[in-house]
Amino acid sequence: MPISLNKLSAKELAALRSQLEQRQAELQKQTLDVLREKVFAMIEKEGLTVDEVLGTKTRARAAGRRSKAAVPKKYRNPKSPHQEWSGRGRQPAWFAEAIASGTKEQSLLIK
């Protein structure tokens, strides 16, 4: 059943567009679900796992990736000793203020 777009108001066109986008998203999801099931069935049929096929666990080990260890703190705020900074990433405000006021970076080092 053809729709005459010329006879629709702006509000009706907007509603139609919304319905079209919803339907398109539904169809895309259905297609992806079907493909995903087919891929999983193929992998299972071959007696493999998804990790083996994609190499997700093996690739991480081969690249030498490890969990991130905590970086030791390098600088301490003399006015508030609980504030420390490793020297990596964005400078904390207290560090930038101390440097701007003439404090030497060396004097902020943790000894």
C-alpha atoms as a PDB file:
ATOM      1  CA  MET A   1       0.000   0.000   0.000  1.00  0.00           C
ATOM      2  CA  PRO A   2       1.772   3.137  -1.185  1.00  0.00           C
ATOM      3  CA  ILE A   3       1.883   6.233   1.022  1.00  0.00           C
ATOM      4  CA  SER A   4       1.481   9.668  -0.534  1.00  0.00           C
ATOM      5  CA  LEU A   5       4.138  11.703   1.257  1.00  0.00           C
ATOM      6  CA  ASN A   6       2.873  14.931  -0.312  1.00  0.00           C
ATOM      7  CA  LYS A   7      -0.379  14.663   1.604  1.00  0.00           C
ATOM      8  CA  LEU A   8       1.248  14.210   5.045  1.00  0.00           C
ATOM      9  CA  SER A   9       1.746  17.064   7.483  1.00  0.00           C
ATOM     10  CA  ALA A  10       5.107  17.810   9.084  1.00  0.00           C
ATOM     11  CA  LYS A  11       3.920  16.156  12.294  1.00  0.00           C
ATOM     12  CA  GLU A  12       2.792  13.031  10.425  1.00  0.00           C
ATOM     13  CA  LEU A  13       6.085  12.879   8.524  1.00  0.00           C
ATOM     14  CA  ALA A  14       8.022  13.116  11.793  1.00  0.00           C
ATOM     15  CA  ALA A  15       5.945  10.290  13.275  1.00  0.00           C
ATOM     16  CA  LEU A  16       6.479   8.195  10.156  1.00  0.00           C
ATOM     17  CA  ARG A  17      10.235   8.840  10.306  1.00  0.00           C
ATOM     18  CA  SER A  18      10.297   7.752  13.945  1.00  0.00           C
ATOM     19  CA  GLN A  19       8.435   4.553  13.111  1.00  0.00           C
ATOM     20  CA  LEU A  20      10.808   3.871  10.202  1.00  0.00           C
ATOM     21  CA  GLU A  21      13.877   4.341  12.382  1.00  0.00           C
ATOM     22  CA  GLN A  22      12.451   2.042  15.067  1.00  0.00           C
ATOM     23  CA  ARG A  23      11.653  -0.645  12.525  1.00  0.00           C
ATOM     24  CA  GLN A  24      15.080  -0.323  10.932  1.00  0.00           C
ATOM     25  CA  ALA A  25      16.752  -0.746  14.336  1.00  0.00           C
ATOM     26  CA  GLU A  26      14.615  -3.822  15.056  1.00  0.00           C
ATOM     27  CA  LEU A  27      15.541  -5.412  11.733  1.00  0.00           C
ATOM     28  CA  GLN A  28      19.222  -4.682  12.253  1.00  0.00           C
ATOM     29  CA  LYS A  29      19.118  -6.248  15.730  1.00  0.00           C
ATOM     30  CA  GLN A  30      17.328  -9.311  14.382  1.00  0.00           C
ATOM     31  CA  THR A  31      19.900  -9.686  11.612  1.00  0.00           C
ATOM     32  CA  LEU A  32      22.779  -9.391  14.072  1.00  0.00           C
ATOM     33  CA  ASP A  33      21.152 -11.911  16.419  1.00  0.00           C
ATOM     34  CA  VAL A  34      20.728 -14.413  13.592  1.00  0.00           C
ATOM     35  CA  LEU A  35      24.319 -13.936  12.415  1.00  0.00           C
ATOM     36  CA  ARG A  36      25.643 -14.217  15.960  1.00  0.00           C
ATOM     37  CA  GLU A  37      23.801 -17.508  16.469  1.00  0.00           C
ATOM     38  CA  LYS A  38      25.142 -18.867  13.163  1.00  0.00           C
ATOM     39  CA  VAL A  39      28.708 -17.915  14.092  1.00  0.00           C
ATOM     40  CA  PHE A  40      28.408 -19.454  17.564  1.00  0.00           C
ATOM     41  CA  ALA A  41      26.964 -22.636  16.042  1.00  0.00           C
ATOM     42  CA  MET A  42      29.874 -22.849  13.575  1.00  0.00           C
ATOM     43  CA  ILE A  43      32.418 -22.348  16.352  1.00  0.00           C
ATOM     44  CA  GLU A  44      30.736 -24.937  18.548  1.00  0.00           C
ATOM     45  CA  LYS A  45      30.510 -27.397  15.649  1.00  0.00           C
ATOM     46  CA  GLU A  46      34.290 -27.168  15.222  1.00  0.00           C
ATOM     47  CA  GLY A  47      34.798 -27.786  18.942  1.00  0.00           C
ATOM     48  CA  LEU A  48      36.325 -24.383  19.602  1.00  0.00           C
ATOM     49  CA  THR A  49      35.563 -21.486  21.907  1.00  0.00           C
ATOM     50  CA  VAL A  50      34.991 -17.865  20.973  1.00  0.00           C
ATOM     51  CA  ASP A  51      38.203 -16.901  22.805  1.00  0.00           C
ATOM     52  CA  GLU A  52      40.175 -19.411  20.751  1.00  0.00           C
ATOM     53  CA  VAL A  53      38.740 -18.129  17.479  1.00  0.00           C
ATOM     54  CA  LEU A  54      39.125 -14.448  18.296  1.00  0.00           C
ATOM     55  CA  GLY A  55      42.373 -14.937  20.170  1.00  0.00           C
ATOM     56  CA  THR A  56      41.258 -12.575  22.904  1.00  0.00           C
ATOM     57  CA  LYS A  57      42.990 -14.259  25.858  1.00  0.00           C
ATOM     58  CA  THR A  58      45.996 -15.425  23.864  1.00  0.00           C
ATOM     59  CA  ARG A  59      46.508 -12.038  22.198  1.00  0.00           C
ATOM     60  CA  ALA A  60      46.615 -10.258  25.556  1.00  0.00           C
ATOM     61  CA  ARG A  61      49.238 -12.684  26.880  1.00  0.00           C
ATOM     62  CA  ALA A  62      51.306 -12.531  23.691  1.00  0.00           C
ATOM     63  CA  ALA A  63      51.403  -8.747  23.820  1.00  0.00           C
ATOM     64  CA  GLY A  64      52.790  -8.962  27.350  1.00  0.00           C
ATOM     65  CA  ARG A  65      49.914  -7.047  28.850  1.00  0.00           C
ATOM     66  CA  ARG A  66      49.720  -7.166  32.592  1.00  0.00           C
ATOM     67  CA  SER A  67      47.493  -5.542  35.110  1.00  0.00           C
ATOM     68  CA  LYS A  68      48.511  -2.001  35.848  1.00  0.00           C
ATOM     69  CA  ALA A  69      50.622  -1.755  38.972  1.00  0.00           C
ATOM     70  CA  ALA A  70      50.334   1.285  41.180  1.00  0.00           C
ATOM     71  CA  VAL A  71      52.963   3.901  40.402  1.00  0.00           C
ATOM     72  CA  PRO A  72      54.851   5.084  43.486  1.00  0.00           C
ATOM     73  CA  LYS A  73      54.204   8.647  44.589  1.00  0.00           C
ATOM     74  CA  LYS A  74      56.998  11.072  43.790  1.00  0.00           C
ATOM     75  CA  TYR A  75      55.803  14.466  45.100  1.00  0.00           C
ATOM     76  CA  ARG A  76      54.097  15.543  48.339  1.00  0.00           C
ATOM     77  CA  ASN A  77      52.255  18.752  49.170  1.00  0.00           C
ATOM     78  CA  PRO A  78      54.135  20.345  52.116  1.00  0.00           C
ATOM     79  CA  LYS A  79      50.981  22.179  53.245  1.00  0.00           C
ATOM     80  CA  SER A  80      48.869  19.018  53.225  1.00  0.00           C
ATOM     81  CA  PRO A  81      51.070  15.883  53.446  1.00  0.00           C
ATOM     82  CA  HIS A  82      48.260  13.468  52.555  1.00  0.00           C
ATOM     83  CA  GLN A  83      48.217  14.929  49.022  1.00  0.00           C
ATOM     84  CA  GLU A  84      50.733  13.109  46.854  1.00  0.00           C
ATOM     85  CA  TRP A  85      51.360  12.799  43.124  1.00  0.00           C
ATOM     86  CA  SER A  86      53.263  10.239  41.056  1.00  0.00           C
ATOM     87  CA  GLY A  87      54.492  12.760  38.504  1.00  0.00           C
ATOM     88  CA  ARG A  88      52.369  11.156  35.779  1.00  0.00           C
ATOM     89  CA  GLY A  89      49.266  12.524  34.181  1.00  0.00           C
ATOM     90  CA  ARG A  90      47.747  15.922  34.827  1.00  0.00           C
ATOM     91  CA  GLN A  91      49.416  18.013  37.518  1.00  0.00           C
ATOM     92  CA  PRO A  92      47.319  18.429  40.628  1.00  0.00           C
ATOM     93  CA  ALA A  93      46.300  21.981  41.463  1.00  0.00           C
ATOM     94  CA  TRP A  94      48.437  22.078  44.615  1.00  0.00           C
ATOM     95  CA  PHE A  95      51.562  21.171  42.589  1.00  0.00           C
ATOM     96  CA  ALA A  96      50.896  23.774  39.898  1.00  0.00           C
ATOM     97  CA  GLU A  97      50.208  26.446  42.538  1.00  0.00           C
ATOM     98  CA  ALA A  98      53.411  25.613  44.423  1.00  0.00           C
ATOM     99  CA  ILE A  99      55.516  25.863  41.246  1.00  0.00           C
ATOM    100  CA  ALA A 100      53.783  29.111  40.238  1.00  0.00           C
ATOM    101  CA  SER A 101      54.523  30.616  43.655  1.00  0.00           C
ATOM    102  CA  GLY A 102      58.253  29.923  43.228  1.00  0.00           C
ATOM    103  CA  THR A 103      58.654  26.587  45.038  1.00  0.00           C
ATOM    104  CA  LYS A 104      61.246  24.372  43.380  1.00  0.00           C
ATOM    105  CA  GLU A 105      60.121  21.006  42.084  1.00  0.00           C
ATOM    106  CA  GLN A 106      63.029  19.373  43.962  1.00  0.00           C
ATOM    107  CA  SER A 107      61.673  20.597  47.296  1.00  0.00           C
ATOM    108  CA  LEU A 108      58.375  18.769  46.685  1.00  0.00           C
ATOM    109  CA  LEU A 109      60.034  15.382  46.151  1.00  0.00           C
ATOM    110  CA  ILE A 110      59.231  12.656  48.676  1.00  0.00           C
ATOM    111  CA  LYS A 111      62.421  11.694  50.464  1.00  0.00           C
END
